[in-house]
Amino acid sequence: MPTEVPQYIECNTDDRNPFAEEFTPEEVWTRLAHCGNTAPGPDGICYAQWKKTDEGGHVLNAIFNTVHGLGFIPQAWGKSITILIFKKGEKSDILNWRPITLSNTIAKLYSSILANCIGRWAACNERISASQKGFMPVDGCCEHNFALQAVIADA
């Protein structure tokens, strides 16, 4: 059974390469607009700063297309810092601390755009099972929950 492609996904005619076309400022801005203002990585730049200084995503778009065209990701984008966050209990017990890793926002945004391209390509070219519902643009988990509730009610 082929996967049904949601109508809002624009399919690329090149079914061999999900990265055949350059990124657009609209694509970058849309992804950036969905980013919450999380703690910044080693570069100290948070998403709010990107939104304020690059409204419309034009500068980031030029950077991403250059990086993609060169096939070279700056080393700084791979750097991260790990910090410990206290959960509860005695502060002297290391088990009461949770490590989190903070990466540079530019790298996370670039990765998000690449993941979006791959996801769109996979949906358009029927490379995703119809039973895949999690981590998709449409909330299919609700569909599975409804089906499960119907089966339980029927039983």
N, C-alpha and C. Protein backbone atom coordinates (compact mmCIF):
# COMPACT_ATOMS: atom_id res chain seq x y z
N MET A 1 0.85 -1.17 0.00
CA MET A 1 0.00 0.00 0.00
C MET A 1 0.90 1.24 0.00
N PRO A 2 0.81 2.12 -1.01
CA PRO A 2 1.66 3.29 -1.07
C PRO A 2 1.31 4.29 0.04
N THR A 3 2.32 5.02 0.45
CA THR A 3 2.13 6.06 1.45
C THR A 3 1.43 7.24 0.81
N GLU A 4 0.43 7.77 1.49
CA GLU A 4 -0.27 8.93 0.98
C GLU A 4 0.51 10.18 1.36
N VAL A 5 0.86 10.99 0.35
CA VAL A 5 1.63 12.21 0.60
C VAL A 5 0.67 13.32 0.97
N PRO A 6 0.87 13.96 2.13
CA PRO A 6 0.00 15.08 2.50
C PRO A 6 0.04 16.16 1.42
N GLN A 7 -1.10 16.79 1.17
CA GLN A 7 -1.23 17.75 0.08
C GLN A 7 -0.30 18.94 0.22
N TYR A 8 0.05 19.32 1.43
CA TYR A 8 0.88 20.50 1.61
C TYR A 8 2.36 20.24 1.34
N ILE A 9 2.75 18.98 1.11
CA ILE A 9 4.14 18.68 0.80
C ILE A 9 4.35 18.84 -0.70
N GLU A 10 5.27 19.73 -1.03
CA GLU A 10 5.58 19.97 -2.43
C GLU A 10 6.64 18.96 -2.86
N CYS A 11 6.31 18.14 -3.87
CA CYS A 11 7.22 17.09 -4.29
C CYS A 11 8.19 17.59 -5.35
N ASN A 12 9.44 17.18 -5.21
CA ASN A 12 10.49 17.49 -6.18
C ASN A 12 10.41 16.46 -7.30
N THR A 13 10.59 16.89 -8.53
CA THR A 13 10.52 15.96 -9.66
C THR A 13 11.74 15.06 -9.73
N ASP A 14 12.86 15.43 -9.11
CA ASP A 14 14.07 14.62 -9.12
C ASP A 14 13.97 13.59 -8.00
N ASP A 15 13.64 12.36 -8.36
CA ASP A 15 13.42 11.34 -7.32
C ASP A 15 14.71 10.67 -6.87
N ARG A 16 15.84 11.07 -7.39
CA ARG A 16 17.10 10.44 -7.01
C ARG A 16 17.87 11.23 -5.94
N ASN A 17 17.64 12.54 -5.86
CA ASN A 17 18.44 13.36 -4.97
C ASN A 17 17.56 14.32 -4.17
N PRO A 18 17.44 14.09 -2.87
CA PRO A 18 16.60 15.00 -2.06
C PRO A 18 17.19 16.40 -1.93
N PHE A 19 18.46 16.57 -2.33
CA PHE A 19 19.12 17.86 -2.20
C PHE A 19 19.43 18.48 -3.56
N ALA A 20 18.64 18.13 -4.58
CA ALA A 20 18.90 18.62 -5.93
C ALA A 20 18.73 20.14 -6.04
N GLU A 21 17.82 20.69 -5.27
CA GLU A 21 17.55 22.13 -5.34
C GLU A 21 18.19 22.84 -4.17
N GLU A 22 18.50 24.12 -4.37
CA GLU A 22 19.05 24.92 -3.28
C GLU A 22 17.96 25.20 -2.24
N PHE A 23 18.40 25.48 -1.02
CA PHE A 23 17.47 25.89 0.02
C PHE A 23 16.96 27.29 -0.33
N THR A 24 15.79 27.63 0.19
CA THR A 24 15.23 28.96 -0.04
C THR A 24 15.17 29.72 1.27
N PRO A 25 15.18 31.06 1.20
CA PRO A 25 15.06 31.83 2.44
C PRO A 25 13.76 31.52 3.19
N GLU A 26 12.68 31.25 2.44
CA GLU A 26 11.39 30.91 3.07
C GLU A 26 11.50 29.62 3.87
N GLU A 27 12.20 28.65 3.30
CA GLU A 27 12.39 27.36 3.97
C GLU A 27 13.20 27.56 5.26
N VAL A 28 14.26 28.35 5.18
CA VAL A 28 15.09 28.62 6.35
C VAL A 28 14.29 29.37 7.41
N TRP A 29 13.56 30.40 6.99
CA TRP A 29 12.79 31.21 7.93
C TRP A 29 11.69 30.39 8.59
N THR A 30 11.04 29.52 7.83
CA THR A 30 9.98 28.66 8.39
C THR A 30 10.56 27.76 9.48
N ARG A 31 11.71 27.15 9.21
CA ARG A 31 12.34 26.28 10.20
C ARG A 31 12.77 27.10 11.43
N LEU A 32 13.33 28.28 11.19
CA LEU A 32 13.79 29.13 12.28
C LEU A 32 12.61 29.59 13.13
N ALA A 33 11.50 29.90 12.49
CA ALA A 33 10.31 30.36 13.22
C ALA A 33 9.78 29.29 14.17
N HIS A 34 10.01 28.02 13.85
CA HIS A 34 9.54 26.92 14.70
C HIS A 34 10.50 26.61 15.85
N CYS A 35 11.65 27.26 15.88
CA CYS A 35 12.63 27.00 16.93
C CYS A 35 12.32 27.82 18.16
N GLY A 36 12.20 27.15 19.27
CA GLY A 36 12.02 27.84 20.54
C GLY A 36 13.33 28.44 20.98
N ASN A 37 13.29 29.35 21.91
CA ASN A 37 14.53 29.99 22.34
C ASN A 37 15.21 29.15 23.42
N THR A 38 15.97 28.15 22.96
CA THR A 38 16.68 27.27 23.88
C THR A 38 18.03 27.89 24.25
N ALA A 39 18.71 27.25 25.17
CA ALA A 39 20.03 27.73 25.58
C ALA A 39 21.00 27.59 24.40
N PRO A 40 21.87 28.57 24.21
CA PRO A 40 22.81 28.53 23.10
C PRO A 40 23.96 27.57 23.36
N GLY A 41 24.65 27.20 22.29
CA GLY A 41 25.82 26.34 22.39
C GLY A 41 27.07 27.16 22.65
N PRO A 42 28.24 26.62 22.30
CA PRO A 42 29.51 27.30 22.57
C PRO A 42 29.64 28.68 21.93
N ASP A 43 28.95 28.92 20.80
CA ASP A 43 29.06 30.22 20.15
C ASP A 43 28.23 31.30 20.84
N GLY A 44 27.34 30.92 21.75
CA GLY A 44 26.56 31.88 22.52
C GLY A 44 25.40 32.51 21.77
N ILE A 45 25.10 32.02 20.56
CA ILE A 45 24.03 32.61 19.75
C ILE A 45 22.76 31.77 19.92
N CYS A 46 21.68 32.42 20.36
CA CYS A 46 20.41 31.72 20.52
C CYS A 46 19.50 32.01 19.31
N TYR A 47 18.44 31.26 19.19
CA TYR A 47 17.53 31.41 18.04
C TYR A 47 16.92 32.80 17.96
N ALA A 48 16.64 33.40 19.11
CA ALA A 48 16.05 34.74 19.12
C ALA A 48 16.97 35.75 18.44
N GLN A 49 18.28 35.57 18.62
CA GLN A 49 19.24 36.47 17.97
C GLN A 49 19.23 36.29 16.46
N TRP A 50 19.14 35.03 16.00
CA TRP A 50 19.06 34.78 14.55
C TRP A 50 17.80 35.43 13.98
N LYS A 51 16.70 35.27 14.68
CA LYS A 51 15.42 35.82 14.21
C LYS A 51 15.48 37.35 14.12
N LYS A 52 16.16 37.94 15.09
CA LYS A 52 16.23 39.40 15.14
C LYS A 52 17.18 39.97 14.09
N THR A 53 18.31 39.33 13.88
CA THR A 53 19.33 39.87 12.98
C THR A 53 19.19 39.40 11.54
N ASP A 54 18.45 38.32 11.31
CA ASP A 54 18.30 37.81 9.94
C ASP A 54 16.83 37.54 9.65
N GLU A 55 16.01 38.56 9.75
CA GLU A 55 14.59 38.41 9.49
C GLU A 55 14.38 37.98 8.04
N GLY A 56 13.67 36.90 7.86
CA GLY A 56 13.44 36.37 6.52
C GLY A 56 14.41 35.25 6.16
N GLY A 57 15.48 35.07 6.95
CA GLY A 57 16.41 33.96 6.74
C GLY A 57 17.34 34.09 5.55
N HIS A 58 17.56 35.29 5.04
CA HIS A 58 18.37 35.46 3.82
C HIS A 58 19.86 35.19 4.05
N VAL A 59 20.40 35.67 5.15
CA VAL A 59 21.83 35.45 5.43
C VAL A 59 22.08 33.98 5.72
N LEU A 60 21.26 33.40 6.59
CA LEU A 60 21.42 31.97 6.90
C LEU A 60 21.24 31.12 5.66
N ASN A 61 20.31 31.49 4.80
CA ASN A 61 20.10 30.76 3.56
C ASN A 61 21.37 30.78 2.70
N ALA A 62 22.00 31.94 2.57
CA ALA A 62 23.23 32.04 1.78
C ALA A 62 24.34 31.18 2.41
N ILE A 63 24.43 31.19 3.72
CA ILE A 63 25.43 30.38 4.42
C ILE A 63 25.16 28.90 4.17
N PHE A 64 23.91 28.47 4.35
CA PHE A 64 23.57 27.06 4.19
C PHE A 64 23.79 26.58 2.76
N ASN A 65 23.42 27.37 1.78
CA ASN A 65 23.63 26.97 0.39
C ASN A 65 25.11 26.90 0.05
N THR A 66 25.91 27.79 0.63
CA THR A 66 27.36 27.75 0.41
C THR A 66 27.96 26.50 1.04
N VAL A 67 27.59 26.24 2.29
CA VAL A 67 28.07 25.05 2.99
C VAL A 67 27.67 23.79 2.22
N HIS A 68 26.43 23.76 1.78
CA HIS A 68 25.94 22.58 1.06
C HIS A 68 26.65 22.43 -0.29
N GLY A 69 26.83 23.54 -0.99
CA GLY A 69 27.50 23.50 -2.29
C GLY A 69 28.96 23.06 -2.18
N LEU A 70 29.64 23.51 -1.14
CA LEU A 70 31.04 23.13 -0.94
C LEU A 70 31.18 21.70 -0.40
N GLY A 71 30.11 21.23 0.23
CA GLY A 71 30.19 19.90 0.85
C GLY A 71 31.10 19.90 2.07
N PHE A 72 31.21 21.04 2.71
CA PHE A 72 32.10 21.19 3.86
C PHE A 72 31.34 21.88 4.99
N ILE A 73 31.25 21.21 6.12
CA ILE A 73 30.59 21.80 7.29
C ILE A 73 31.67 22.33 8.22
N PRO A 74 31.57 23.60 8.61
CA PRO A 74 32.58 24.18 9.50
C PRO A 74 32.76 23.36 10.78
N GLN A 75 34.01 23.20 11.19
CA GLN A 75 34.31 22.42 12.40
C GLN A 75 33.60 22.96 13.62
N ALA A 76 33.46 24.27 13.71
CA ALA A 76 32.83 24.89 14.88
C ALA A 76 31.39 24.43 15.05
N TRP A 77 30.73 24.05 13.95
CA TRP A 77 29.34 23.60 14.03
C TRP A 77 29.24 22.27 14.78
N GLY A 78 30.31 21.52 14.83
CA GLY A 78 30.29 20.22 15.51
C GLY A 78 30.64 20.31 16.99
N LYS A 79 31.01 21.47 17.45
CA LYS A 79 31.38 21.63 18.86
C LYS A 79 30.12 21.79 19.71
N SER A 80 30.20 21.28 20.92
CA SER A 80 29.09 21.40 21.87
C SER A 80 29.66 21.45 23.28
N ILE A 81 28.83 21.82 24.21
CA ILE A 81 29.23 21.80 25.61
C ILE A 81 28.20 20.99 26.38
N THR A 82 28.68 20.28 27.37
CA THR A 82 27.79 19.49 28.21
C THR A 82 27.76 20.13 29.59
N ILE A 83 26.55 20.33 30.08
CA ILE A 83 26.39 20.88 31.42
C ILE A 83 25.53 19.92 32.24
N LEU A 84 25.63 20.03 33.53
CA LEU A 84 24.83 19.20 34.43
C LEU A 84 23.69 20.04 35.00
N ILE A 85 22.49 19.46 35.00
CA ILE A 85 21.32 20.11 35.56
C ILE A 85 20.86 19.30 36.76
N PHE A 86 20.69 19.97 37.86
CA PHE A 86 20.26 19.31 39.10
C PHE A 86 18.81 18.86 38.98
N LYS A 87 18.54 17.60 39.34
CA LYS A 87 17.18 17.07 39.31
C LYS A 87 16.50 17.23 40.67
N LYS A 88 16.95 16.44 41.65
CA LYS A 88 16.37 16.49 42.99
C LYS A 88 17.27 15.70 43.94
N GLY A 89 17.00 15.83 45.22
CA GLY A 89 17.77 15.08 46.20
C GLY A 89 19.01 15.82 46.67
N GLU A 90 19.97 15.05 47.10
CA GLU A 90 21.22 15.59 47.63
C GLU A 90 22.12 16.06 46.50
N LYS A 91 22.54 17.31 46.55
CA LYS A 91 23.35 17.88 45.47
C LYS A 91 24.73 17.24 45.37
N SER A 92 25.19 16.62 46.43
CA SER A 92 26.52 16.00 46.40
C SER A 92 26.51 14.65 45.68
N ASP A 93 25.33 14.09 45.40
CA ASP A 93 25.22 12.81 44.72
C ASP A 93 25.13 13.04 43.21
N ILE A 94 26.11 12.55 42.47
CA ILE A 94 26.18 12.77 41.03
C ILE A 94 24.98 12.17 40.30
N LEU A 95 24.34 11.16 40.87
CA LEU A 95 23.16 10.55 40.24
C LEU A 95 21.96 11.48 40.23
N ASN A 96 22.02 12.56 41.00
CA ASN A 96 20.92 13.52 41.05
C ASN A 96 21.10 14.66 40.04
N TRP A 97 22.04 14.50 39.15
CA TRP A 97 22.30 15.50 38.12
C TRP A 97 22.09 14.87 36.75
N ARG A 98 21.54 15.64 35.82
CA ARG A 98 21.28 15.15 34.47
C ARG A 98 22.14 15.94 33.48
N PRO A 99 22.95 15.24 32.66
CA PRO A 99 23.75 15.97 31.68
C PRO A 99 22.91 16.34 30.45
N ILE A 100 23.11 17.54 29.94
CA ILE A 100 22.51 17.93 28.66
C ILE A 100 23.62 18.53 27.80
N THR A 101 23.49 18.35 26.52
CA THR A 101 24.48 18.87 25.59
C THR A 101 23.89 20.05 24.84
N LEU A 102 24.63 21.14 24.79
CA LEU A 102 24.20 22.34 24.09
C LEU A 102 25.04 22.49 22.83
N SER A 103 24.37 22.46 21.69
CA SER A 103 25.04 22.60 20.40
C SER A 103 24.77 23.98 19.83
N ASN A 104 25.61 24.38 18.89
CA ASN A 104 25.41 25.68 18.23
C ASN A 104 24.10 25.68 17.46
N THR A 105 23.35 26.75 17.60
CA THR A 105 22.03 26.83 16.97
C THR A 105 22.11 26.80 15.45
N ILE A 106 23.16 27.34 14.85
CA ILE A 106 23.28 27.34 13.40
C ILE A 106 23.40 25.90 12.88
N ALA A 107 24.13 25.07 13.60
CA ALA A 107 24.27 23.66 13.20
C ALA A 107 22.96 22.91 13.36
N LYS A 108 22.24 23.17 14.46
CA LYS A 108 20.95 22.50 14.67
C LYS A 108 19.94 22.93 13.62
N LEU A 109 19.96 24.18 13.24
CA LEU A 109 19.04 24.68 12.22
C LEU A 109 19.36 24.05 10.86
N TYR A 110 20.63 23.98 10.51
CA TYR A 110 21.05 23.36 9.25
C TYR A 110 20.64 21.88 9.22
N SER A 111 20.87 21.18 10.30
CA SER A 111 20.48 19.77 10.39
C SER A 111 18.98 19.61 10.25
N SER A 112 18.23 20.52 10.83
CA SER A 112 16.78 20.47 10.75
C SER A 112 16.30 20.65 9.31
N ILE A 113 16.94 21.55 8.58
CA ILE A 113 16.56 21.76 7.19
C ILE A 113 16.91 20.54 6.34
N LEU A 114 18.07 19.93 6.58
CA LEU A 114 18.44 18.70 5.87
C LEU A 114 17.45 17.58 6.17
N ALA A 115 17.08 17.43 7.44
CA ALA A 115 16.12 16.40 7.83
C ALA A 115 14.77 16.64 7.16
N ASN A 116 14.36 17.89 7.06
CA ASN A 116 13.11 18.23 6.39
C ASN A 116 13.15 17.85 4.92
N CYS A 117 14.28 18.12 4.26
CA CYS A 117 14.44 17.74 2.84
C CYS A 117 14.34 16.23 2.65
N ILE A 118 15.02 15.49 3.51
CA ILE A 118 15.00 14.03 3.41
C ILE A 118 13.60 13.49 3.68
N GLY A 119 12.93 14.04 4.69
CA GLY A 119 11.57 13.60 5.01
C GLY A 119 10.59 13.86 3.88
N ARG A 120 10.70 15.05 3.29
CA ARG A 120 9.82 15.40 2.17
C ARG A 120 10.09 14.48 0.98
N TRP A 121 11.37 14.25 0.68
CA TRP A 121 11.74 13.37 -0.43
C TRP A 121 11.23 11.94 -0.19
N ALA A 122 11.41 11.45 1.03
CA ALA A 122 10.98 10.08 1.36
C ALA A 122 9.47 9.93 1.23
N ALA A 123 8.71 10.95 1.66
CA ALA A 123 7.25 10.90 1.55
C ALA A 123 6.81 10.95 0.08
N CYS A 124 7.43 11.81 -0.70
CA CYS A 124 7.06 11.96 -2.11
C CYS A 124 7.42 10.73 -2.94
N ASN A 125 8.47 10.03 -2.54
CA ASN A 125 8.94 8.89 -3.32
C ASN A 125 8.61 7.55 -2.68
N GLU A 126 7.62 7.57 -1.80
CA GLU A 126 7.09 6.36 -1.16
C GLU A 126 8.17 5.50 -0.53
N ARG A 127 9.06 6.15 0.22
CA ARG A 127 10.13 5.43 0.91
C ARG A 127 9.81 5.26 2.39
N ILE A 128 8.61 5.68 2.79
CA ILE A 128 8.19 5.56 4.18
C ILE A 128 6.96 4.65 4.23
N SER A 129 6.97 3.73 5.16
CA SER A 129 5.85 2.82 5.33
C SER A 129 4.59 3.58 5.72
N ALA A 130 3.46 3.12 5.25
CA ALA A 130 2.18 3.73 5.60
C ALA A 130 1.89 3.60 7.10
N SER A 131 2.55 2.65 7.76
CA SER A 131 2.33 2.47 9.19
C SER A 131 3.23 3.37 10.04
N GLN A 132 4.14 4.10 9.43
CA GLN A 132 4.99 5.05 10.16
C GLN A 132 4.16 6.28 10.52
N LYS A 133 3.98 6.54 11.78
CA LYS A 133 3.16 7.67 12.21
C LYS A 133 3.93 8.66 13.06
N GLY A 134 4.90 8.20 13.83
CA GLY A 134 5.67 9.10 14.67
C GLY A 134 6.70 9.87 13.87
N PHE A 135 7.04 11.06 14.31
CA PHE A 135 8.07 11.90 13.70
C PHE A 135 7.76 12.26 12.25
N MET A 136 6.48 12.40 11.96
CA MET A 136 6.03 12.78 10.62
C MET A 136 5.40 14.16 10.67
N PRO A 137 5.29 14.85 9.51
CA PRO A 137 4.70 16.19 9.52
C PRO A 137 3.25 16.22 9.98
N VAL A 138 2.55 15.10 9.79
CA VAL A 138 1.15 15.00 10.22
C VAL A 138 1.12 14.12 11.46
N ASP A 139 0.33 14.50 12.45
CA ASP A 139 0.27 13.74 13.69
C ASP A 139 -0.52 12.45 13.49
N GLY A 140 0.16 11.40 13.05
CA GLY A 140 -0.48 10.12 12.80
C GLY A 140 -0.62 9.28 14.06
N CYS A 141 0.07 9.68 15.13
CA CYS A 141 -0.04 8.93 16.38
C CYS A 141 -1.49 8.95 16.88
N CYS A 142 -2.19 10.05 16.65
CA CYS A 142 -3.60 10.14 17.05
C CYS A 142 -4.42 9.09 16.30
N GLU A 143 -4.09 8.88 15.03
CA GLU A 143 -4.77 7.85 14.24
C GLU A 143 -4.56 6.47 14.84
N HIS A 144 -3.33 6.16 15.23
CA HIS A 144 -3.04 4.87 15.84
C HIS A 144 -3.73 4.74 17.19
N ASN A 145 -3.73 5.81 17.98
CA ASN A 145 -4.41 5.78 19.27
C ASN A 145 -5.90 5.52 19.10
N PHE A 146 -6.52 6.16 18.11
CA PHE A 146 -7.95 5.97 17.84
C PHE A 146 -8.22 4.51 17.45
N ALA A 147 -7.37 3.97 16.56
CA ALA A 147 -7.55 2.58 16.13
C ALA A 147 -7.41 1.62 17.31
N LEU A 148 -6.43 1.88 18.18
CA LEU A 148 -6.22 1.04 19.35
C LEU A 148 -7.41 1.12 20.31
N GLN A 149 -7.93 2.32 20.53
CA GLN A 149 -9.10 2.48 21.41
C GLN A 149 -10.32 1.76 20.83
N ALA A 150 -10.48 1.81 19.50
CA ALA A 150 -11.61 1.15 18.84
C ALA A 150 -11.50 -0.36 19.01
N VAL A 151 -10.30 -0.90 18.87
CA VAL A 151 -10.08 -2.35 19.02
C VAL A 151 -10.35 -2.76 20.46
N ILE A 152 -9.86 -1.97 21.41
CA ILE A 152 -10.10 -2.29 22.83
C ILE A 152 -11.60 -2.22 23.15
N ALA A 153 -12.27 -1.22 22.67
CA ALA A 153 -13.72 -1.07 22.93
C ALA A 153 -14.48 -2.23 22.31
N ASP A 154 -14.05 -2.67 21.12
CA ASP A 154 -14.73 -3.77 20.44
C ASP A 154 -14.50 -5.09 21.18
N ALA A 155 -13.33 -5.23 21.77
CA ALA A 155 -13.00 -6.47 22.48
C ALA A 155 -13.82 -6.54 23.76
